Amino acid sequence: MTTLDAPRHDILDTTATGDNYLTHSRGFLSWALTLDHKRIGVMYMVAVLCSFFLGGVFALLLRTELLTPGRTIVDADTYNQFFTLHGAIMVFLVIIPSIPAALGNFVLPIMLGAKDVAFPRLNLASFYLWIGGAIFTLYSLAVGGFDTGWTFDTPYSTTTTAGGVIPVLMGVFILGFSSIFTGLNFIVTIHKLRPPGMTWFKMPLFLWALYSTALIQVLATPVLAITLCLLIVERTLNIGIFNPSMGGDPVLYQHFFWFYSHPAVYIMIVPAMGIISEIIAVHSHRHIFGYTYIAFSSVAIAMFSFIVWGHHMFTSGQSGVMNTIFSLISFSVGIPSAVKTFNWVMTLYKGTISLTAPMCYGLAFLFLFTIGGLTGLHCATLATDVHLHDTYFVVAHFHYVMMGSALIAMIGGLHHWWPKMTGRMYHEGTGIAGCIIIFVGFNMTFFTQFMLGSQGMPRRYYDYQPEFQTYHIVSTIGAYIMAAGFVTTAVCLMQSLMSGRRAPANPWGGRSLEWQCASPPRHDNFEHPPTVGDCYDFTPVVWDERQQGYVVDRALDTHIPHGKSPNTGGHQ
């Protein structure tokens, strides 16, 4: 009899009560020199969340300054540094590494039933490369800061007198190597460490998403590294590569930069889509609808990501033929994204939905990602993009896709795997309240910016016409509401570490392999080799009142009772 077919008493007590990855060894060096993928994932998570706090502070300063026309709290030069720091920190230090490096590092090997990633030392090296890149980025503040915008557009980035430009370019260059090492590690791990019986089409969809993301990381990131090196060379040696006054071509820089940076958008969003596939299937207790289509759509998005960079350059003087081609390809990217969205909705259809905190984040993602995706069609349309380019419409679209989708999914995934990572349950009501506050604040902040942009308000401007002030006031109030939601979420999770009840091995009723190990996992992940089955077959999963968690029992041959809450055991 296999694990999945075992009587209930054989699988009830799998919660870690003794040695686990958190207590296996103690002391600073045991963490600093660890090769355990789980500890590395936790360290990534702490570092990313600290960066998120810093980037969020700059965002609030931005919105506060824009509360009124003219000067509110800072001058124009300081404002330029604020929005540059906000963008660079959020893109390169938070959203790009957050899901693959933090959640991916923790979850991927356990989902494969493996003890670790293929190259544990390379994994640790990638973390310290991230730390090195972050140090260079923050060091730029001490030497004068930088005001180029997070895209470092030429020729301004080659001529500005800000002293922090070269340090931040070096920082992003180093961060790129961290991303490449992580992607390479994940590709080899998924190819080589799958357990017997786990074919490609028995892998959880989160692994498909991480695999597709890793391909983009390995293939696209070197282009960014070369581009930044050329920019450093031009500033250092005064050679005309991108500066037109010295015979350079600034449009060439745009081609190089966006050839990486549009795939980088999918480095952010594709793993987020993988998390949503897990959340929706597990918390609706229904087999994922269209598994094969969702898996292949991740690969399709990765392929399309390399051939759409030109839609960022419709107003740069490209030929009409190239603009038309890039516009058509940009519309094509919507097909695999729509495939995922429709399949998620069909999974919810007739599912036994538990409105847990992770599911609330999953539903928020569906709403916000749909808005972000549909407004992307306006930016891909030649006739409308000419008018919307470099306005607040683009700012709103970008944030709906990057923050409203990628970051919301990351926080949802953090709630989903928090019991597995920490061995503690958080207060469900507080977690849901945090999600609702973030959702309301986010839409107040950025939906108004669609109206600002459609009426002609340019992005990045320090000052604006008085008729735009009402929208800016609403947007700024929304930003502070959203900040309150993130504080609520942080308090909820931190409180669980101090007083949360012990988490069962399977609090949500998941069927992928990470729910077969203890919470928190052992140092070597599994006490016994896990049994591979259909990771989305929820028929034999039933609620156990004594464990306050879900267990597998084929003998009962029943579905989960409708509306059962996995955290409380009661009905919602």
Protein backbone atom coordinates (compact mmCIF):
# COMPACT_ATOMS: atom_id res chain seq x y z
CA MET A 1 0.00 0.00 0.00
CA THR A 2 1.48 3.36 -1.03
CA THR A 3 1.51 6.52 1.01
CA LEU A 4 -1.39 7.92 -0.98
CA ASP A 5 -3.42 4.77 -0.36
CA ALA A 6 -2.52 4.33 3.30
CA PRO A 7 -5.06 4.32 6.12
CA ARG A 8 -5.47 7.61 7.89
CA HIS A 9 -3.46 6.71 11.00
CA ASP A 10 -0.34 6.15 8.88
CA ILE A 11 -0.12 9.75 7.71
CA LEU A 12 -1.66 11.87 10.44
CA ASP A 13 1.32 12.81 12.58
CA THR A 14 3.86 14.28 10.17
CA THR A 15 4.37 17.63 11.89
CA ALA A 16 7.99 18.25 12.87
CA THR A 17 8.29 18.06 16.65
CA GLY A 18 12.07 17.65 16.88
CA ASP A 19 14.89 18.26 14.47
CA ASN A 20 14.04 20.37 11.41
CA TYR A 21 15.90 22.68 9.07
CA LEU A 22 15.47 25.61 11.49
CA THR A 23 16.94 23.78 14.49
CA HIS A 24 19.34 21.37 12.76
CA SER A 25 22.29 23.63 13.58
CA ARG A 26 22.56 26.95 15.33
CA GLY A 27 24.66 30.07 15.20
CA PHE A 28 25.36 32.77 12.64
CA LEU A 29 27.84 30.72 10.63
CA SER A 30 25.41 27.81 10.35
CA TRP A 31 23.20 30.15 8.34
CA ALA A 32 25.85 32.23 6.61
CA LEU A 33 27.64 29.13 5.24
CA THR A 34 24.62 26.87 4.83
CA LEU A 35 24.10 24.80 1.69
CA ASP A 36 20.49 23.98 2.64
CA HIS A 37 18.19 25.33 -0.06
CA LYS A 38 15.50 26.05 2.54
CA ARG A 39 17.73 28.30 4.63
CA ILE A 40 19.01 30.04 1.51
CA GLY A 41 15.39 30.61 0.45
CA VAL A 42 14.57 32.08 3.86
CA MET A 43 17.61 34.38 3.72
CA TYR A 44 16.58 35.51 0.24
CA MET A 45 13.07 36.17 1.53
CA VAL A 46 14.27 38.29 4.45
CA ALA A 47 16.61 40.28 2.18
CA VAL A 48 13.94 40.81 -0.48
CA LEU A 49 11.35 41.93 2.08
CA CYS A 50 13.82 44.42 3.57
CA SER A 51 14.43 45.79 0.07
CA PHE A 52 10.68 45.93 -0.47
CA PHE A 53 10.33 48.05 2.66
CA LEU A 54 13.00 50.46 1.41
CA GLY A 55 11.47 50.68 -2.06
CA GLY A 56 8.05 51.22 -0.48
CA VAL A 57 9.36 54.14 1.57
CA PHE A 58 10.57 55.82 -1.61
CA ALA A 59 7.16 55.17 -3.20
CA LEU A 60 5.37 56.92 -0.32
CA LEU A 61 7.78 59.84 -0.57
CA LEU A 62 6.99 60.07 -4.30
CA ARG A 63 3.25 60.07 -3.76
CA THR A 64 3.54 62.60 -0.93
CA GLU A 65 5.51 64.98 -3.14
CA LEU A 66 2.88 64.65 -5.89
CA LEU A 67 0.05 65.51 -3.51
CA THR A 68 0.18 69.14 -4.68
CA PRO A 69 1.53 70.95 -7.77
CA GLY A 70 4.98 72.43 -7.31
CA ARG A 71 7.08 71.65 -4.25
CA THR A 72 5.40 69.68 -1.44
CA ILE A 73 8.28 68.16 0.57
CA VAL A 74 11.37 68.03 -1.70
CA ASP A 75 12.85 69.77 -4.72
CA ALA A 76 12.90 68.45 -8.29
CA ASP A 77 16.39 66.91 -8.15
CA THR A 78 15.57 64.96 -4.98
CA TYR A 79 12.29 63.83 -6.51
CA ASN A 80 14.19 62.47 -9.53
CA GLN A 81 16.39 60.43 -7.21
CA PHE A 82 13.34 59.15 -5.30
CA PHE A 83 11.58 57.71 -8.34
CA THR A 84 14.86 56.30 -9.70
CA LEU A 85 15.64 54.54 -6.43
CA HIS A 86 12.07 53.29 -6.10
CA GLY A 87 12.14 51.76 -9.57
CA ALA A 88 15.63 50.27 -9.40
CA ILE A 89 15.10 48.71 -5.95
CA MET A 90 11.68 47.30 -6.75
CA VAL A 91 12.66 45.86 -10.14
CA PHE A 92 16.18 44.54 -9.58
CA LEU A 93 16.19 43.82 -5.82
CA VAL A 94 12.59 42.80 -5.18
CA ILE A 95 10.33 41.59 -7.98
CA ILE A 96 12.86 39.80 -10.22
CA PRO A 97 14.42 37.67 -7.42
CA SER A 98 11.41 37.44 -5.07
CA ILE A 99 9.62 34.35 -6.39
CA PRO A 100 12.41 32.33 -8.06
CA ALA A 101 15.16 33.02 -5.52
CA ALA A 102 13.07 33.11 -2.33
CA LEU A 103 9.96 30.92 -2.70
CA GLY A 104 11.46 28.91 -5.58
CA ASN A 105 14.58 28.03 -3.64
CA PHE A 106 12.52 26.79 -0.72
CA VAL A 107 9.81 24.93 -2.58
CA LEU A 108 11.32 23.59 -5.82
CA PRO A 109 13.48 20.73 -4.41
CA ILE A 110 10.71 19.63 -2.01
CA MET A 111 8.18 19.60 -4.85
CA LEU A 112 10.59 17.27 -6.66
CA GLY A 113 11.06 15.07 -3.60
CA ALA A 114 14.77 15.95 -3.67
CA LYS A 115 17.11 16.75 -0.79
CA ASP A 116 18.46 19.94 -2.38
CA VAL A 117 19.09 21.72 -5.67
CA ALA A 118 21.59 20.27 -8.11
CA PHE A 119 24.39 22.73 -7.18
CA PRO A 120 24.07 23.78 -3.52
CA ARG A 121 27.33 25.78 -3.50
CA LEU A 122 26.33 27.68 -6.62
CA ASN A 123 23.02 28.38 -4.87
CA LEU A 124 24.80 29.96 -1.90
CA ALA A 125 27.10 31.88 -4.26
CA SER A 126 24.08 33.33 -6.06
CA PHE A 127 22.74 34.63 -2.75
CA TYR A 128 26.00 36.38 -1.93
CA LEU A 129 26.12 37.82 -5.42
CA TRP A 130 22.68 39.27 -4.71
CA ILE A 131 24.01 40.73 -1.46
CA GLY A 132 26.99 42.20 -3.34
CA GLY A 133 24.72 43.75 -5.96
CA ALA A 134 22.50 45.23 -3.25
CA ILE A 135 25.54 46.71 -1.47
CA PHE A 136 26.73 48.42 -4.67
CA THR A 137 23.21 49.73 -5.33
CA LEU A 138 22.92 51.21 -1.83
CA TYR A 139 26.51 52.49 -1.94
CA SER A 140 25.44 54.71 -4.83
CA LEU A 141 23.43 56.72 -2.30
CA ALA A 142 26.57 57.52 -0.35
CA VAL A 143 28.41 58.89 -3.40
CA GLY A 144 25.78 61.26 -4.69
CA GLY A 145 22.90 59.02 -5.76
CA PHE A 146 21.60 58.66 -9.32
CA ASP A 147 18.69 60.23 -11.16
CA THR A 148 18.57 58.42 -14.49
CA GLY A 149 15.40 56.42 -13.92
CA TRP A 150 15.59 52.65 -13.45
CA THR A 151 16.06 52.16 -17.22
CA PHE A 152 19.32 54.22 -17.26
CA ASP A 153 18.32 55.76 -20.59
CA THR A 154 21.04 57.32 -22.73
CA PRO A 155 22.34 59.87 -23.46
CA TYR A 156 21.35 61.29 -20.05
CA SER A 157 22.89 58.39 -18.11
CA THR A 158 26.23 58.98 -19.89
CA THR A 159 26.29 62.73 -19.21
CA THR A 160 24.66 63.28 -15.80
CA THR A 161 26.99 64.43 -13.04
CA ALA A 162 25.34 62.21 -10.40
CA GLY A 163 28.11 60.26 -8.70
CA GLY A 164 26.18 57.06 -8.07
CA VAL A 165 25.55 56.03 -11.67
CA ILE A 166 28.56 53.72 -12.08
CA PRO A 167 28.09 52.01 -8.63
CA VAL A 168 24.44 51.24 -9.38
CA LEU A 169 25.34 49.94 -12.85
CA MET A 170 27.90 47.65 -11.21
CA GLY A 171 25.27 46.58 -8.69
CA VAL A 172 22.76 45.61 -11.37
CA PHE A 173 25.54 43.86 -13.32
CA ILE A 174 26.30 41.69 -10.27
CA LEU A 175 22.61 41.04 -9.63
CA GLY A 176 22.39 39.71 -13.17
CA PHE A 177 24.94 37.00 -12.43
CA SER A 178 22.95 36.02 -9.34
CA SER A 179 19.88 35.62 -11.55
CA ILE A 180 21.79 33.55 -14.12
CA PHE A 181 23.19 31.19 -11.47
CA THR A 182 19.74 30.65 -9.96
CA GLY A 183 18.22 29.93 -13.36
CA LEU A 184 20.97 27.49 -14.31
CA ASN A 185 20.57 25.68 -11.00
CA PHE A 186 16.82 25.30 -11.45
CA ILE A 187 17.12 24.00 -15.01
CA VAL A 188 19.57 21.27 -14.03
CA THR A 189 17.60 20.42 -10.87
CA ILE A 190 14.35 19.91 -12.76
CA HIS A 191 16.08 17.87 -15.48
CA LYS A 192 18.15 15.64 -13.21
CA LEU A 193 16.49 15.36 -9.80
CA ARG A 194 12.91 14.43 -10.61
CA PRO A 195 11.95 11.28 -8.68
CA PRO A 196 10.91 8.01 -10.35
CA GLY A 197 7.42 8.36 -11.73
CA MET A 198 7.46 12.17 -12.01
CA THR A 199 7.38 12.73 -15.74
CA TRP A 200 7.27 16.23 -17.18
CA PHE A 201 3.50 16.14 -17.20
CA LYS A 202 3.24 15.06 -13.58
CA MET A 203 5.18 18.07 -12.33
CA PRO A 204 3.30 20.79 -10.43
CA LEU A 205 2.65 23.82 -12.62
CA PHE A 206 4.78 25.97 -10.35
CA LEU A 207 7.78 23.93 -11.51
CA TRP A 208 6.83 24.49 -15.15
CA ALA A 209 6.71 28.22 -14.43
CA LEU A 210 10.09 28.21 -12.69
CA TYR A 211 11.62 26.20 -15.53
CA SER A 212 10.33 28.62 -18.16
CA THR A 213 11.54 31.56 -16.07
CA ALA A 214 14.97 29.97 -15.68
CA LEU A 215 15.32 29.73 -19.47
CA ILE A 216 14.67 33.47 -19.75
CA GLN A 217 17.12 34.22 -16.92
CA VAL A 218 19.94 32.26 -18.54
CA LEU A 219 19.40 33.47 -22.11
CA ALA A 220 18.36 37.12 -21.67
CA THR A 221 20.34 38.37 -18.67
CA PRO A 222 23.77 38.31 -20.39
CA VAL A 223 22.47 40.93 -22.84
CA LEU A 224 21.79 43.29 -19.93
CA ALA A 225 25.26 42.62 -18.52
CA ILE A 226 26.92 43.54 -21.83
CA THR A 227 24.77 46.66 -22.16
CA LEU A 228 25.65 47.91 -18.69
CA CYS A 229 29.35 47.22 -19.31
CA LEU A 230 29.19 49.35 -22.47
CA LEU A 231 27.50 52.12 -20.49
CA ILE A 232 30.22 52.00 -17.81
CA VAL A 233 32.93 52.06 -20.50
CA GLU A 234 31.35 55.09 -22.15
CA ARG A 235 31.12 57.03 -18.88
CA THR A 236 34.62 56.02 -17.79
CA LEU A 237 36.59 56.35 -21.02
CA ASN A 238 34.43 58.98 -22.73
CA ILE A 239 33.93 56.76 -25.78
CA GLY A 240 30.94 57.38 -28.04
CA ILE A 241 28.86 54.21 -27.96
CA PHE A 242 25.40 55.57 -27.12
CA ASN A 243 26.01 59.33 -26.90
CA PRO A 244 25.08 60.96 -30.26
CA SER A 245 27.35 63.94 -29.62
CA MET A 246 30.30 61.54 -29.90
CA GLY A 247 28.96 59.49 -32.79
CA GLY A 248 27.00 57.02 -30.67
CA ASP A 249 23.41 55.84 -31.06
CA PRO A 250 20.99 56.12 -28.10
CA VAL A 251 18.41 53.99 -29.94
CA LEU A 252 20.95 51.14 -29.95
CA TYR A 253 20.91 51.30 -26.15
CA GLN A 254 17.13 50.99 -26.18
CA HIS A 255 17.34 47.88 -28.36
CA PHE A 256 19.91 46.29 -26.05
CA PHE A 257 18.16 47.25 -22.82
CA TRP A 258 14.64 46.24 -23.83
CA PHE A 259 15.82 42.99 -25.39
CA TYR A 260 16.52 41.99 -21.79
CA SER A 261 14.01 44.09 -19.91
CA HIS A 262 10.90 42.88 -21.67
CA PRO A 263 11.82 39.23 -20.98
CA ALA A 264 12.51 40.49 -17.44
CA VAL A 265 8.82 41.35 -17.23
CA TYR A 266 8.12 37.66 -17.72
CA ILE A 267 10.83 36.71 -15.21
CA MET A 268 8.55 38.56 -12.80
CA ILE A 269 5.12 37.40 -13.97
CA VAL A 270 5.57 33.77 -15.15
CA PRO A 271 6.56 32.38 -11.70
CA ALA A 272 3.69 34.42 -10.25
CA MET A 273 1.37 32.58 -12.64
CA GLY A 274 2.81 29.30 -11.35
CA ILE A 275 1.96 30.27 -7.78
CA ILE A 276 -1.60 31.17 -8.79
CA SER A 277 -2.02 27.74 -10.43
CA GLU A 278 -1.09 26.10 -7.12
CA ILE A 279 -3.22 28.41 -4.96
CA ILE A 280 -6.37 28.13 -7.08
CA ALA A 281 -6.18 24.34 -7.44
CA VAL A 282 -5.37 23.64 -3.79
CA HIS A 283 -7.80 26.12 -2.21
CA SER A 284 -10.67 25.23 -4.52
CA HIS A 285 -9.89 21.52 -3.99
CA ARG A 286 -10.43 20.78 -7.63
CA HIS A 287 -8.18 19.31 -10.29
CA ILE A 288 -6.53 22.06 -12.31
CA PHE A 289 -8.41 22.57 -15.54
CA GLY A 290 -6.32 22.26 -18.72
CA TYR A 291 -3.03 21.22 -17.08
CA THR A 292 -1.22 20.68 -20.39
CA TYR A 293 -2.34 24.00 -21.84
CA ILE A 294 -1.22 25.92 -18.75
CA ALA A 295 2.15 24.14 -18.80
CA PHE A 296 2.79 24.86 -22.49
CA SER A 297 1.53 28.44 -22.15
CA SER A 298 4.39 29.11 -19.70
CA VAL A 299 6.88 27.92 -22.31
CA ALA A 300 5.08 29.92 -25.02
CA ILE A 301 5.30 33.12 -22.96
CA ALA A 302 9.02 32.50 -22.44
CA MET A 303 9.50 32.14 -26.21
CA PHE A 304 7.42 35.20 -27.10
CA SER A 305 9.27 37.30 -24.52
CA PHE A 306 12.39 37.46 -26.72
CA ILE A 307 10.67 38.92 -29.79
CA VAL A 308 8.46 41.73 -28.45
CA TRP A 309 10.99 44.26 -27.13
CA GLY A 310 10.29 46.65 -29.99
CA HIS A 311 6.87 47.66 -28.68
CA HIS A 312 8.71 49.84 -26.16
CA MET A 313 10.12 51.81 -29.08
CA PHE A 314 7.12 52.73 -31.23
CA THR A 315 8.01 56.43 -30.88
CA SER A 316 11.77 56.01 -31.32
CA GLY A 317 11.83 56.28 -35.11
CA GLN A 318 11.53 52.61 -36.06
CA SER A 319 10.24 51.83 -39.52
CA GLY A 320 6.52 51.38 -39.95
CA VAL A 321 7.01 47.76 -40.95
CA MET A 322 8.92 46.92 -37.77
CA ASN A 323 6.36 48.72 -35.63
CA THR A 324 3.58 46.70 -37.24
CA ILE A 325 5.42 43.41 -36.70
CA PHE A 326 6.16 44.17 -33.05
CA SER A 327 2.56 45.24 -32.53
CA LEU A 328 1.23 41.95 -33.92
CA ILE A 329 3.63 39.86 -31.85
CA SER A 330 2.72 41.85 -28.72
CA PHE A 331 -0.95 41.02 -29.29
CA SER A 332 0.04 37.35 -29.67
CA VAL A 333 1.47 37.24 -26.14
CA GLY A 334 -2.07 37.74 -24.89
CA ILE A 335 -3.05 34.28 -26.15
CA PRO A 336 -1.05 32.12 -23.67
CA SER A 337 -1.89 34.60 -20.89
CA ALA A 338 -5.59 34.28 -21.69
CA VAL A 339 -5.25 30.48 -21.79
CA LYS A 340 -4.02 30.55 -18.19
CA THR A 341 -6.72 32.95 -17.03
CA PHE A 342 -9.60 31.00 -18.57
CA ASN A 343 -8.25 27.74 -17.16
CA TRP A 344 -7.96 29.24 -13.67
CA VAL A 345 -11.58 30.42 -13.87
CA MET A 346 -12.70 26.97 -15.03
CA THR A 347 -10.82 25.42 -12.11
CA LEU A 348 -12.81 27.63 -9.75
CA TYR A 349 -16.04 26.62 -11.47
CA LYS A 350 -17.86 24.11 -9.25
CA GLY A 351 -14.81 23.93 -6.98
CA THR A 352 -15.13 23.64 -3.22
CA ILE A 353 -13.59 27.02 -2.53
CA SER A 354 -12.07 27.84 0.85
CA LEU A 355 -11.76 31.60 1.23
CA THR A 356 -8.40 31.44 2.93
CA ALA A 357 -5.86 34.26 2.81
CA PRO A 358 -3.94 32.61 -0.08
CA MET A 359 -7.15 32.19 -2.07
CA CYS A 360 -8.07 35.84 -1.48
CA TYR A 361 -4.71 36.83 -2.95
CA GLY A 362 -5.34 34.43 -5.83
CA LEU A 363 -8.71 36.02 -6.61
CA ALA A 364 -7.17 39.50 -6.30
CA PHE A 365 -4.52 38.42 -8.81
CA LEU A 366 -7.18 37.36 -11.33
CA PHE A 367 -8.85 40.76 -11.15
CA LEU A 368 -5.67 42.85 -11.23
CA PHE A 369 -3.89 40.77 -13.88
CA THR A 370 -6.92 40.97 -16.16
CA ILE A 371 -6.86 44.77 -15.94
CA GLY A 372 -3.10 44.83 -16.48
CA GLY A 373 -3.32 42.52 -19.47
CA LEU A 374 -6.22 44.28 -21.17
CA THR A 375 -4.64 47.72 -20.78
CA GLY A 376 -1.49 46.28 -22.33
CA LEU A 377 -3.44 45.99 -25.57
CA HIS A 378 -3.69 49.78 -25.68
CA CYS A 379 0.09 50.03 -25.39
CA ALA A 380 0.57 47.44 -28.14
CA THR A 381 -1.74 49.31 -30.53
CA LEU A 382 0.22 51.74 -32.69
CA ALA A 383 -2.48 54.38 -32.93
CA THR A 384 -3.06 54.63 -29.17
CA ASP A 385 0.48 54.06 -27.97
CA VAL A 386 1.70 57.23 -29.67
CA HIS A 387 -0.58 59.20 -27.35
CA LEU A 388 -0.18 57.04 -24.21
CA HIS A 389 3.59 56.54 -24.44
CA ASP A 390 5.44 58.01 -21.44
CA THR A 391 2.21 58.98 -19.66
CA TYR A 392 0.76 57.78 -16.37
CA PHE A 393 -1.28 55.24 -18.35
CA VAL A 394 1.92 53.26 -18.87
CA VAL A 395 2.80 53.66 -15.17
CA ALA A 396 -0.58 52.24 -14.19
CA HIS A 397 -0.38 49.37 -16.69
CA PHE A 398 3.12 48.45 -15.54
CA HIS A 399 2.12 48.45 -11.87
CA TYR A 400 -1.01 46.38 -12.49
CA VAL A 401 1.15 43.72 -14.13
CA MET A 402 4.23 43.94 -11.91
CA MET A 403 2.92 44.88 -8.50
CA GLY A 404 -0.77 44.05 -8.75
CA SER A 405 0.03 40.68 -10.29
CA ALA A 406 3.61 39.54 -9.58
CA LEU A 407 3.91 41.00 -6.08
CA ILE A 408 0.36 40.04 -5.06
CA ALA A 409 1.06 36.46 -6.20
CA MET A 410 4.32 36.44 -4.24
CA ILE A 411 2.52 37.49 -1.06
CA GLY A 412 -0.19 34.93 -1.74
CA GLY A 413 2.47 32.25 -2.19
CA LEU A 414 4.13 33.36 1.04
CA HIS A 415 0.83 32.84 2.87
CA HIS A 416 0.31 29.51 1.07
CA TRP A 417 3.69 28.06 2.08
CA TRP A 418 4.15 30.00 5.36
CA PRO A 419 2.96 27.04 7.48
CA LYS A 420 5.44 24.78 5.65
CA MET A 421 8.29 27.27 6.00
CA THR A 422 7.76 28.18 9.66
CA GLY A 423 5.68 25.36 11.14
CA ARG A 424 3.18 27.95 12.41
CA MET A 425 -0.31 29.02 11.33
CA TYR A 426 -1.19 32.70 11.09
CA HIS A 427 -4.53 34.26 12.05
CA GLU A 428 -6.72 33.76 9.00
CA GLY A 429 -8.95 36.77 9.56
CA THR A 430 -6.01 39.17 9.86
CA GLY A 431 -4.42 37.73 6.74
CA ILE A 432 -7.64 38.23 4.76
CA ALA A 433 -8.04 41.77 6.13
CA GLY A 434 -4.51 42.62 4.98
CA CYS A 435 -5.34 41.36 1.47
CA ILE A 436 -8.53 43.42 1.27
CA ILE A 437 -6.80 46.61 2.46
CA ILE A 438 -3.97 46.13 -0.07
CA PHE A 439 -6.50 45.46 -2.84
CA VAL A 440 -8.51 48.62 -2.11
CA GLY A 441 -5.41 50.79 -1.70
CA PHE A 442 -3.79 49.44 -4.85
CA ASN A 443 -6.79 50.19 -7.05
CA MET A 444 -7.16 53.66 -5.58
CA THR A 445 -3.49 54.32 -6.28
CA PHE A 446 -3.18 53.07 -9.82
CA PHE A 447 -6.62 52.97 -11.45
CA THR A 448 -6.77 56.76 -11.16
CA GLN A 449 -3.46 56.88 -13.03
CA PHE A 450 -5.12 55.36 -16.10
CA MET A 451 -7.33 58.44 -16.18
CA LEU A 452 -4.35 60.72 -15.56
CA GLY A 453 -2.46 59.20 -18.49
CA SER A 454 -5.40 59.19 -20.87
CA GLN A 455 -5.79 62.92 -20.19
CA GLY A 456 -2.13 63.57 -20.99
CA MET A 457 -0.31 63.63 -17.63
CA PRO A 458 3.31 62.63 -18.44
CA ARG A 459 5.08 60.21 -16.13
CA ARG A 460 8.17 61.08 -14.04
CA TYR A 461 7.24 64.79 -13.94
CA TYR A 462 7.89 66.66 -10.70
CA ASP A 463 5.22 69.30 -11.37
CA TYR A 464 1.83 69.19 -13.07
CA GLN A 465 -1.18 71.31 -14.03
CA PRO A 466 -3.74 72.01 -11.25
CA GLU A 467 -6.52 70.13 -13.08
CA PHE A 468 -4.66 66.85 -12.37
CA GLN A 469 -4.49 67.39 -8.59
CA THR A 470 -7.70 65.55 -7.67
CA TYR A 471 -6.43 62.36 -9.28
CA HIS A 472 -3.07 62.73 -7.53
CA ILE A 473 -4.77 63.21 -4.15
CA VAL A 474 -6.80 60.01 -4.60
CA SER A 475 -3.69 58.16 -5.77
CA THR A 476 -1.66 59.32 -2.77
CA ILE A 477 -4.41 58.39 -0.28
CA GLY A 478 -4.55 54.96 -1.92
CA ALA A 479 -0.79 54.55 -1.51
CA TYR A 480 -1.07 55.10 2.24
CA ILE A 481 -4.02 52.70 2.49
CA MET A 482 -1.97 50.11 0.61
CA ALA A 483 0.94 50.67 3.01
CA ALA A 484 -1.44 50.05 5.92
CA GLY A 485 -2.40 46.75 4.29
CA PHE A 486 1.23 45.66 4.00
CA VAL A 487 1.79 46.57 7.66
CA THR A 488 -1.27 44.49 8.61
CA THR A 489 0.09 41.55 6.63
CA ALA A 490 3.54 41.87 8.23
CA VAL A 491 2.02 41.98 11.73
CA CYS A 492 -0.10 38.92 10.92
CA LEU A 493 2.88 36.84 9.80
CA MET A 494 5.21 38.00 12.56
CA GLN A 495 2.56 37.34 15.19
CA SER A 496 2.27 33.76 13.97
CA LEU A 497 5.96 33.18 14.74
CA MET A 498 5.37 34.15 18.35
CA SER A 499 1.94 32.74 19.14
CA GLY A 500 0.62 30.90 16.08
CA ARG A 501 -0.60 27.36 16.58
CA ARG A 502 1.56 24.55 15.28
CA ALA A 503 0.95 23.86 11.60
CA PRO A 504 0.02 20.37 10.45
CA ALA A 505 1.92 18.83 7.57
CA ASN A 506 -0.91 19.56 5.16
CA PRO A 507 -3.04 22.50 6.34
CA TRP A 508 -4.64 23.22 2.96
CA GLY A 509 -5.17 19.73 1.53
CA GLY A 510 -2.47 19.97 -1.13
CA ARG A 511 -1.36 16.90 -3.07
CA SER A 512 2.07 17.93 -4.38
CA LEU A 513 5.10 16.46 -2.65
CA GLU A 514 5.91 19.39 -0.35
CA TRP A 515 2.76 18.57 1.63
CA GLN A 516 4.05 15.05 2.31
CA CYS A 517 6.93 16.27 4.47
CA ALA A 518 6.77 17.73 7.97
CA SER A 519 6.09 21.36 8.82
CA PRO A 520 8.73 22.75 8.99
CA PRO A 521 10.64 20.21 6.86
CA ARG A 522 13.51 18.12 8.10
CA HIS A 523 17.06 19.11 7.17
CA ASP A 524 17.00 16.48 4.42
CA ASN A 525 13.33 17.25 3.61
CA PHE A 526 11.79 13.77 3.81
CA GLU A 527 11.97 11.02 6.42
CA HIS A 528 10.86 8.48 3.80
CA PRO A 529 10.96 8.77 0.00
CA PRO A 530 7.70 10.44 -1.09
CA THR A 531 5.27 8.74 -3.42
CA VAL A 532 4.53 10.47 -6.70
CA GLY A 533 0.92 10.72 -7.75
CA ASP A 534 -1.39 13.17 -9.47
CA CYS A 535 -0.55 16.42 -7.68
CA TYR A 536 -3.99 17.84 -8.52
CA ASP A 537 -6.17 14.86 -7.57
CA PHE A 538 -8.06 16.05 -4.48
CA THR A 539 -10.73 13.36 -4.33
CA PRO A 540 -9.25 11.37 -1.40
CA VAL A 541 -8.30 14.40 0.70
CA VAL A 542 -10.52 14.83 3.79
CA TRP A 543 -10.55 17.14 6.79
CA ASP A 544 -9.38 15.69 10.11
CA GLU A 545 -10.74 17.48 13.19
CA ARG A 546 -8.02 16.16 15.55
CA GLN A 547 -5.17 17.29 13.31
CA GLN A 548 -6.93 20.50 12.18
CA GLY A 549 -5.53 19.68 8.78
CA TYR A 550 -6.21 17.61 5.66
CA VAL A 551 -5.25 13.95 5.31
CA VAL A 552 -5.41 11.38 2.52
CA ASP A 553 -7.92 8.58 2.86
CA ARG A 554 -9.02 6.72 -0.26
CA ALA A 555 -11.20 4.43 1.85
CA LEU A 556 -13.67 7.24 2.48
CA ASP A 557 -13.81 8.08 -1.24
CA THR A 558 -15.31 11.50 -0.55
CA HIS A 559 -14.78 15.11 -1.41
CA ILE A 560 -13.98 17.81 1.08
CA PRO A 561 -17.19 19.17 2.65
CA HIS A 562 -18.32 22.33 0.89
CA GLY A 563 -17.02 25.52 2.51
CA LYS A 564 -14.71 23.76 4.97
CA SER A 565 -12.07 26.15 6.24
CA PRO A 566 -8.67 24.45 6.43
CA ASN A 567 -7.47 26.72 9.22
CA THR A 568 -10.39 26.51 11.64
CA GLY A 569 -12.13 23.28 10.71
CA GLY A 570 -15.40 25.18 10.61
CA HIS A 571 -17.67 26.36 7.84
CA GLN A 572 -17.40 29.78 6.29
